[in-house]
PDB file of all heavy atoms in Angstrom:
ATOM      1  N   PRO A   1      23.190  68.155  50.860  1.00  0.00           N
ATOM      2  CA  PRO A   1      22.930  69.467  50.263  1.00  0.00           C
ATOM      3  C   PRO A   1      23.496  70.644  51.051  1.00  0.00           C
ATOM      4  O   PRO A   1      23.352  71.795  50.618  1.00  0.00           O
ATOM      5  CB  PRO A   1      21.406  69.527  50.259  1.00  0.00           C
ATOM      6  CG  PRO A   1      21.022  68.774  51.493  1.00  0.00           C
ATOM      7  CD  PRO A   1      22.042  67.663  51.632  1.00  0.00           C
ATOM      8  N   GLN A   2      24.128  70.398  52.194  1.00  0.00           N
ATOM      9  CA  GLN A   2      24.519  71.512  53.063  1.00  0.00           C
ATOM     10  C   GLN A   2      25.520  72.444  52.389  1.00  0.00           C
ATOM     11  O   GLN A   2      25.486  73.666  52.594  1.00  0.00           O
ATOM     12  CB  GLN A   2      25.092  70.964  54.369  1.00  0.00           C
ATOM     13  CG  GLN A   2      24.069  70.260  55.240  1.00  0.00           C
ATOM     14  CD  GLN A   2      22.840  71.124  55.490  1.00  0.00           C
ATOM     15  OE1 GLN A   2      22.960  72.272  55.915  1.00  0.00           O
ATOM     16  NE2 GLN A   2      21.661  70.574  55.221  1.00  0.00           N
ATOM     17  N   GLY A   3      26.418  71.907  51.602  1.00  0.00           N
ATOM     18  CA  GLY A   3      27.377  72.761  50.918  1.00  0.00           C
ATOM     19  C   GLY A   3      26.710  73.693  49.925  1.00  0.00           C
ATOM     20  O   GLY A   3      27.116  74.858  49.776  1.00  0.00           O
ATOM     21  N   VAL A   4      25.680  73.199  49.256  1.00  0.00           N
ATOM     22  CA  VAL A   4      24.932  74.027  48.309  1.00  0.00           C
ATOM     23  C   VAL A   4      24.252  75.171  49.043  1.00  0.00           C
ATOM     24  O   VAL A   4      24.292  76.331  48.608  1.00  0.00           O
ATOM     25  CB  VAL A   4      23.897  73.179  47.548  1.00  0.00           C
ATOM     26  CG1 VAL A   4      23.004  74.072  46.683  1.00  0.00           C
ATOM     27  CG2 VAL A   4      24.587  72.137  46.700  1.00  0.00           C
ATOM     28  N   ALA A   5      23.624  74.877  50.179  1.00  0.00           N
ATOM     29  CA  ALA A   5      22.921  75.903  50.941  1.00  0.00           C
ATOM     30  C   ALA A   5      23.873  76.987  51.429  1.00  0.00           C
ATOM     31  O   ALA A   5      23.578  78.181  51.339  1.00  0.00           O
ATOM     32  CB  ALA A   5      22.187  75.264  52.122  1.00  0.00           C
ATOM     33  N   ALA A   6      25.019  76.578  51.949  1.00  0.00           N
ATOM     34  CA  ALA A   6      25.988  77.547  52.473  1.00  0.00           C
ATOM     35  C   ALA A   6      26.546  78.429  51.363  1.00  0.00           C
ATOM     36  O   ALA A   6      26.681  79.651  51.520  1.00  0.00           O
ATOM     37  CB  ALA A   6      27.118  76.813  53.189  1.00  0.00           C
ATOM     38  N   ALA A   7      26.882  77.818  50.226  1.00  0.00           N
ATOM     39  CA  ALA A   7      27.412  78.585  49.100  1.00  0.00           C
ATOM     40  C   ALA A   7      26.367  79.545  48.550  1.00  0.00           C
ATOM     41  O   ALA A   7      26.677  80.688  48.188  1.00  0.00           O
ATOM     42  CB  ALA A   7      27.890  77.635  48.008  1.00  0.00           C
ATOM     43  N   ALA A   8      25.110  79.099  48.506  1.00  0.00           N
ATOM     44  CA  ALA A   8      24.038  79.945  47.991  1.00  0.00           C
ATOM     45  C   ALA A   8      23.792  81.140  48.899  1.00  0.00           C
ATOM     46  O   ALA A   8      23.569  82.261  48.422  1.00  0.00           O
ATOM     47  CB  ALA A   8      22.754  79.132  47.840  1.00  0.00           C
ATOM     48  N   GLU A   9      23.848  80.920  50.200  1.00  0.00           N
ATOM     49  CA  GLU A   9      23.641  82.032  51.129  1.00  0.00           C
ATOM     50  C   GLU A   9      24.718  83.094  50.959  1.00  0.00           C
ATOM     51  O   GLU A   9      24.432  84.294  50.931  1.00  0.00           O
ATOM     52  CB  GLU A   9      23.622  81.528  52.568  1.00  0.00           C
ATOM     53  CG  GLU A   9      23.325  82.615  53.579  1.00  0.00           C
ATOM     54  CD  GLU A   9      23.044  82.072  54.966  1.00  0.00           C
ATOM     55  OE1 GLU A   9      23.260  80.874  55.185  1.00  0.00           O
ATOM     56  OE2 GLU A   9      22.592  82.854  55.816  1.00  0.00           O
ATOM     57  N   ALA A  10      25.962  82.665  50.810  1.00  0.00           N
ATOM     58  CA  ALA A  10      27.059  83.611  50.609  1.00  0.00           C
ATOM     59  C   ALA A  10      26.911  84.330  49.270  1.00  0.00           C
ATOM     60  O   ALA A  10      27.172  85.536  49.162  1.00  0.00           O
ATOM     61  CB  ALA A  10      28.394  82.872  50.670  1.00  0.00           C
ATOM     62  N   TYR A  11      26.477  83.595  48.259  1.00  0.00           N
ATOM     63  CA  TYR A  11      26.309  84.183  46.929  1.00  0.00           C
ATOM     64  C   TYR A  11      25.215  85.247  46.945  1.00  0.00           C
ATOM     65  O   TYR A  11      25.396  86.350  46.408  1.00  0.00           O
ATOM     66  CB  TYR A  11      25.966  83.084  45.922  1.00  0.00           C
ATOM     67  CG  TYR A  11      25.698  83.603  44.529  1.00  0.00           C
ATOM     68  CD1 TYR A  11      26.753  83.855  43.655  1.00  0.00           C
ATOM     69  CD2 TYR A  11      24.401  83.849  44.085  1.00  0.00           C
ATOM     70  CE1 TYR A  11      26.510  84.345  42.374  1.00  0.00           C
ATOM     71  CE2 TYR A  11      24.151  84.342  42.817  1.00  0.00           C
ATOM     72  CZ  TYR A  11      25.209  84.585  41.965  1.00  0.00           C
ATOM     73  OH  TYR A  11      24.964  85.074  40.710  1.00  0.00           O
ATOM     74  N   VAL A  12      24.086  84.932  47.540  1.00  0.00           N
ATOM     75  CA  VAL A  12      22.976  85.882  47.581  1.00  0.00           C
ATOM     76  C   VAL A  12      23.394  87.161  48.310  1.00  0.00           C
ATOM     77  O   VAL A  12      23.143  88.271  47.832  1.00  0.00           O
ATOM     78  CB  VAL A  12      21.742  85.252  48.257  1.00  0.00           C
ATOM     79  CG1 VAL A  12      20.689  86.316  48.552  1.00  0.00           C
ATOM     80  CG2 VAL A  12      21.150  84.163  47.371  1.00  0.00           C
ATOM     81  N   LEU A  13      24.018  86.998  49.442  1.00  0.00           N
ATOM     82  CA  LEU A  13      24.450  88.169  50.204  1.00  0.00           C
ATOM     83  C   LEU A  13      25.382  89.039  49.374  1.00  0.00           C
ATOM     84  O   LEU A  13      25.289  90.270  49.382  1.00  0.00           O
ATOM     85  CB  LEU A  13      25.139  87.727  51.492  1.00  0.00           C
ATOM     86  CG  LEU A  13      25.529  88.834  52.476  1.00  0.00           C
ATOM     87  CD1 LEU A  13      24.302  89.577  52.973  1.00  0.00           C
ATOM     88  CD2 LEU A  13      26.303  88.241  53.654  1.00  0.00           C
ATOM     89  N   ASP A  14      26.261  88.408  48.622  1.00  0.00           N
ATOM     90  CA  ASP A  14      27.232  89.155  47.817  1.00  0.00           C
ATOM     91  C   ASP A  14      26.562  89.918  46.681  1.00  0.00           C
ATOM     92  O   ASP A  14      27.042  90.989  46.287  1.00  0.00           O
ATOM     93  CB  ASP A  14      28.275  88.188  47.256  1.00  0.00           C
ATOM     94  CG  ASP A  14      29.424  88.910  46.564  1.00  0.00           C
ATOM     95  OD1 ASP A  14      30.083  89.733  47.231  1.00  0.00           O
ATOM     96  OD2 ASP A  14      29.650  88.659  45.372  1.00  0.00           O
ATOM     97  N   GLN A  15      25.464  89.403  46.146  1.00  0.00           N
ATOM     98  CA  GLN A  15      24.805  90.061  45.015  1.00  0.00           C
ATOM     99  C   GLN A  15      24.208  91.420  45.382  1.00  0.00           C
ATOM    100  O   GLN A  15      24.053  92.289  44.517  1.00  0.00           O
ATOM    101  CB  GLN A  15      23.721  89.155  44.429  1.00  0.00           C
ATOM    102  CG  GLN A  15      24.235  87.858  43.836  1.00  0.00           C
ATOM    103  CD  GLN A  15      25.372  88.077  42.859  1.00  0.00           C
ATOM    104  OE1 GLN A  15      25.205  88.709  41.821  1.00  0.00           O
ATOM    105  NE2 GLN A  15      26.547  87.557  43.205  1.00  0.00           N
ATOM    106  N   TYR A  16      23.882  91.601  46.641  1.00  0.00           N
ATOM    107  CA  TYR A  16      23.288  92.871  47.054  1.00  0.00           C
ATOM    108  C   TYR A  16      24.264  94.041  46.933  1.00  0.00           C
ATOM    109  O   TYR A  16      23.847  95.192  46.942  1.00  0.00           O
ATOM    110  CB  TYR A  16      22.749  92.769  48.478  1.00  0.00           C
ATOM    111  CG  TYR A  16      21.396  92.125  48.560  1.00  0.00           C
ATOM    112  CD1 TYR A  16      21.258  90.781  48.894  1.00  0.00           C
ATOM    113  CD2 TYR A  16      20.238  92.849  48.292  1.00  0.00           C
ATOM    114  CE1 TYR A  16      20.013  90.174  48.962  1.00  0.00           C
ATOM    115  CE2 TYR A  16      18.986  92.257  48.353  1.00  0.00           C
ATOM    116  CZ  TYR A  16      18.880  90.921  48.697  1.00  0.00           C
ATOM    117  OH  TYR A  16      17.642  90.327  48.752  1.00  0.00           O
ATOM    118  N   LYS A  17      25.562  93.752  46.805  1.00  0.00           N
ATOM    119  CA  LYS A  17      26.522  94.851  46.670  1.00  0.00           C
ATOM    120  C   LYS A  17      26.281  95.621  45.378  1.00  0.00           C
ATOM    121  O   LYS A  17      26.527  96.839  45.318  1.00  0.00           O
ATOM    122  CB  LYS A  17      27.951  94.323  46.715  1.00  0.00           C
ATOM    123  CG  LYS A  17      28.382  93.501  45.508  1.00  0.00           C
ATOM    124  CD  LYS A  17      29.778  92.922  45.682  1.00  0.00           C
ATOM    125  CE  LYS A  17      30.200  92.077  44.486  1.00  0.00           C
ATOM    126  NZ  LYS A  17      31.498  91.413  44.720  1.00  0.00           N
ATOM    127  N   PHE A  18      25.781  94.945  44.348  1.00  0.00           N
ATOM    128  CA  PHE A  18      25.518  95.617  43.083  1.00  0.00           C
ATOM    129  C   PHE A  18      24.313  96.545  43.200  1.00  0.00           C
ATOM    130  O   PHE A  18      24.300  97.639  42.624  1.00  0.00           O
ATOM    131  CB  PHE A  18      25.301  94.593  41.978  1.00  0.00           C
ATOM    132  CG  PHE A  18      26.500  93.706  41.747  1.00  0.00           C
ATOM    133  CD1 PHE A  18      26.492  92.381  42.160  1.00  0.00           C
ATOM    134  CD2 PHE A  18      27.631  94.200  41.136  1.00  0.00           C
ATOM    135  CE1 PHE A  18      27.597  91.564  41.955  1.00  0.00           C
ATOM    136  CE2 PHE A  18      28.741  93.392  40.925  1.00  0.00           C
ATOM    137  CZ  PHE A  18      28.729  92.081  41.340  1.00  0.00           C
ATOM    138  N   ILE A  19      23.308  96.109  43.948  1.00  0.00           N
ATOM    139  CA  ILE A  19      22.144  96.973  44.176  1.00  0.00           C
ATOM    140  C   ILE A  19      22.539  98.149  45.056  1.00  0.00           C
ATOM    141  O   ILE A  19      22.170  99.303  44.790  1.00  0.00           O
ATOM    142  CB  ILE A  19      20.997  96.169  44.805  1.00  0.00           C
ATOM    143  CG1 ILE A  19      20.551  95.056  43.860  1.00  0.00           C
ATOM    144  CG2 ILE A  19      19.818  97.080  45.142  1.00  0.00           C
ATOM    145  CD1 ILE A  19      19.464  94.164  44.422  1.00  0.00           C
ATOM    146  N   GLU A  20      23.289  97.880  46.100  1.00  0.00           N
ATOM    147  CA  GLU A  20      23.722  98.940  47.016  1.00  0.00           C
ATOM    148  C   GLU A  20      24.479 100.035  46.256  1.00  0.00           C
ATOM    149  O   GLU A  20      24.245 101.230  46.475  1.00  0.00           O
ATOM    150  CB  GLU A  20      24.615  98.349  48.112  1.00  0.00           C
ATOM    151  CG  GLU A  20      25.128  99.354  49.130  1.00  0.00           C
ATOM    152  CD  GLU A  20      24.083  99.785  50.142  1.00  0.00           C
ATOM    153  OE1 GLU A  20      23.025  99.128  50.235  1.00  0.00           O
ATOM    154  OE2 GLU A  20      24.325 100.783  50.859  1.00  0.00           O
ATOM    155  N   SER A  21      25.377  99.640  45.367  1.00  0.00           N
ATOM    156  CA  SER A  21      26.180 100.624  44.646  1.00  0.00           C
ATOM    157  C   SER A  21      25.367 101.407  43.624  1.00  0.00           C
ATOM    158  O   SER A  21      25.755 102.519  43.235  1.00  0.00           O
ATOM    159  CB  SER A  21      27.352  99.932  43.945  1.00  0.00           C
ATOM    160  OG  SER A  21      26.890  99.041  42.943  1.00  0.00           O
ATOM    161  N   ALA A  22      24.236 100.847  43.182  1.00  0.00           N
ATOM    162  CA  ALA A  22      23.401 101.525  42.193  1.00  0.00           C
ATOM    163  C   ALA A  22      22.402 102.488  42.828  1.00  0.00           C
ATOM    164  O   ALA A  22      21.855 103.354  42.130  1.00  0.00           O
ATOM    165  CB  ALA A  22      22.647 100.495  41.356  1.00  0.00           C
ATOM    166  N   LEU A  23      22.153 102.343  44.129  1.00  0.00           N
ATOM    167  CA  LEU A  23      21.173 103.186  44.800  1.00  0.00           C
ATOM    168  C   LEU A  23      21.729 104.580  45.040  1.00  0.00           C
ATOM    169  O   LEU A  23      22.900 104.756  45.388  1.00  0.00           O
ATOM    170  CB  LEU A  23      20.750 102.558  46.128  1.00  0.00           C
ATOM    171  CG  LEU A  23      19.863 101.319  46.027  1.00  0.00           C
ATOM    172  CD1 LEU A  23      19.698 100.672  47.402  1.00  0.00           C
ATOM    173  CD2 LEU A  23      18.504 101.685  45.448  1.00  0.00           C
ATOM    174  N   GLY A  24      20.861 105.566  44.857  1.00  0.00           N
ATOM    175  CA  GLY A  24      21.236 106.944  45.134  1.00  0.00           C
ATOM    176  C   GLY A  24      20.796 107.347  46.529  1.00  0.00           C
ATOM    177  O   GLY A  24      20.951 106.600  47.488  1.00  0.00           O
ATOM    178  N   ASP A  25      20.189 108.534  46.615  1.00  0.00           N
ATOM    179  CA  ASP A  25      19.762 109.059  47.911  1.00  0.00           C
ATOM    180  C   ASP A  25      18.417 108.503  48.344  1.00  0.00           C
ATOM    181  O   ASP A  25      17.976 108.758  49.461  1.00  0.00           O
ATOM    182  CB  ASP A  25      19.713 110.590  47.871  1.00  0.00           C
ATOM    183  CG  ASP A  25      21.098 111.202  47.659  1.00  0.00           C
ATOM    184  OD1 ASP A  25      22.082 110.574  48.087  1.00  0.00           O
ATOM    185  OD2 ASP A  25      21.176 112.290  47.055  1.00  0.00           O
ATOM    186  N   GLY A  26      17.751 107.784  47.439  1.00  0.00           N
ATOM    187  CA  GLY A  26      16.496 107.122  47.790  1.00  0.00           C
ATOM    188  C   GLY A  26      15.330 108.085  47.951  1.00  0.00           C
ATOM    189  O   GLY A  26      15.377 109.195  47.460  1.00  0.00           O
ATOM    190  N   PRO A  27      14.271 107.619  48.630  1.00  0.00           N
ATOM    191  CA  PRO A  27      14.235 106.370  49.391  1.00  0.00           C
ATOM    192  C   PRO A  27      14.115 105.104  48.533  1.00  0.00           C
ATOM    193  O   PRO A  27      14.295 104.006  49.031  1.00  0.00           O
ATOM    194  CB  PRO A  27      12.988 106.537  50.264  1.00  0.00           C
ATOM    195  CG  PRO A  27      12.086 107.417  49.452  1.00  0.00           C
ATOM    196  CD  PRO A  27      12.999 108.374  48.731  1.00  0.00           C
ATOM    197  N   TYR A  28      13.812 105.300  47.218  1.00  0.00           N
ATOM    198  CA  TYR A  28      13.598 104.143  46.357  1.00  0.00           C
ATOM    199  C   TYR A  28      14.696 104.055  45.299  1.00  0.00           C
ATOM    200  O   TYR A  28      15.557 104.936  45.196  1.00  0.00           O
ATOM    201  CB  TYR A  28      12.209 104.225  45.719  1.00  0.00           C
ATOM    202  CG  TYR A  28      11.111 104.347  46.740  1.00  0.00           C
ATOM    203  CD1 TYR A  28      10.355 105.519  46.840  1.00  0.00           C
ATOM    204  CD2 TYR A  28      10.860 103.319  47.637  1.00  0.00           C
ATOM    205  CE1 TYR A  28       9.365 105.640  47.798  1.00  0.00           C
ATOM    206  CE2 TYR A  28       9.869 103.442  48.604  1.00  0.00           C
ATOM    207  CZ  TYR A  28       9.123 104.603  48.680  1.00  0.00           C
ATOM    208  OH  TYR A  28       8.158 104.731  49.636  1.00  0.00           O
ATOM    209  N   PHE A  29      14.653 103.015  44.520  1.00  0.00           N
ATOM    210  CA  PHE A  29      15.717 102.752  43.549  1.00  0.00           C
ATOM    211  C   PHE A  29      15.878 103.909  42.577  1.00  0.00           C
ATOM    212  O   PHE A  29      16.998 104.297  42.233  1.00  0.00           O
ATOM    213  CB  PHE A  29      15.415 101.458  42.785  1.00  0.00           C
ATOM    214  CG  PHE A  29      16.628 100.817  42.183  1.00  0.00           C
ATOM    215  CD1 PHE A  29      17.265  99.769  42.826  1.00  0.00           C
ATOM    216  CD2 PHE A  29      17.141 101.253  40.974  1.00  0.00           C
ATOM    217  CE1 PHE A  29      18.395  99.170  42.287  1.00  0.00           C
ATOM    218  CE2 PHE A  29      18.263 100.666  40.413  1.00  0.00           C
ATOM    219  CZ  PHE A  29      18.898  99.620  41.072  1.00  0.00           C
ATOM    220  N   PHE A  30      14.749 104.464  42.133  1.00  0.00           N
ATOM    221  CA  PHE A  30      14.790 105.564  41.173  1.00  0.00           C
ATOM    222  C   PHE A  30      14.403 106.886  41.820  1.00  0.00           C
ATOM    223  O   PHE A  30      13.809 107.750  41.176  1.00  0.00           O
ATOM    224  CB  PHE A  30      13.884 105.253  39.977  1.00  0.00           C
ATOM    225  CG  PHE A  30      14.340 104.038  39.202  1.00  0.00           C
ATOM    226  CD1 PHE A  30      13.603 102.867  39.238  1.00  0.00           C
ATOM    227  CD2 PHE A  30      15.504 104.065  38.451  1.00  0.00           C
ATOM    228  CE1 PHE A  30      14.015 101.747  38.524  1.00  0.00           C
ATOM    229  CE2 PHE A  30      15.927 102.946  37.743  1.00  0.00           C
ATOM    230  CZ  PHE A  30      15.181 101.784  37.779  1.00  0.00           C
ATOM    231  N   GLY A  31      14.723 107.045  43.082  1.00  0.00           N
ATOM    232  CA  GLY A  31      14.470 108.315  43.755  1.00  0.00           C
ATOM    233  C   GLY A  31      13.203 108.302  44.583  1.00  0.00           C
ATOM    234  O   GLY A  31      13.012 107.436  45.440  1.00  0.00           O
ATOM    235  N   ASP A  32      12.310 109.252  44.301  1.00  0.00           N
ATOM    236  CA  ASP A  32      11.104 109.415  45.121  1.00  0.00           C
ATOM    237  C   ASP A  32       9.951 108.523  44.686  1.00  0.00           C
ATOM    238  O   ASP A  32       8.962 108.405  45.413  1.00  0.00           O
ATOM    239  CB  ASP A  32      10.633 110.879  45.077  1.00  0.00           C
ATOM    240  CG  ASP A  32      11.615 111.820  45.766  1.00  0.00           C
ATOM    241  OD1 ASP A  32      12.308 111.368  46.698  1.00  0.00           O
ATOM    242  OD2 ASP A  32      11.679 112.993  45.364  1.00  0.00           O
ATOM    243  N   GLN A  33      10.039 107.909  43.498  1.00  0.00           N
ATOM    244  CA  GLN A  33       8.928 107.124  42.963  1.00  0.00           C
ATOM    245  C   GLN A  33       9.113 105.644  43.249  1.00  0.00           C
ATOM    246  O   GLN A  33      10.076 105.028  42.793  1.00  0.00           O
ATOM    247  CB  GLN A  33       8.801 107.342  41.453  1.00  0.00           C
ATOM    248  CG  GLN A  33       7.734 106.503  40.780  1.00  0.00           C
ATOM    249  CD  GLN A  33       6.337 106.788  41.298  1.00  0.00           C
ATOM    250  OE1 GLN A  33       5.921 107.944  41.369  1.00  0.00           O
ATOM    251  NE2 GLN A  33       5.612 105.738  41.683  1.00  0.00           N
ATOM    252  N   VAL A  34       8.191 105.065  43.995  1.00  0.00           N
ATOM    253  CA  VAL A  34       8.238 103.632  44.232  1.00  0.00           C
ATOM    254  C   VAL A  34       7.867 102.899  42.954  1.00  0.00           C
ATOM    255  O   VAL A  34       7.012 103.355  42.179  1.00  0.00           O
ATOM    256  CB  VAL A  34       7.286 103.233  45.382  1.00  0.00           C
ATOM    257  CG1 VAL A  34       5.829 103.435  45.017  1.00  0.00           C
ATOM    258  CG2 VAL A  34       7.537 101.794  45.823  1.00  0.00           C
TER     259      VAL A  34
END
């Protein structure tokens, strides 16, 4: 299973780029409201 684990770790890390690009000035996703 090691190949699956390594590929999944890289995939998960890469998915955060979409969240990062959608975030504004924060501190939360939609501004001041958690």
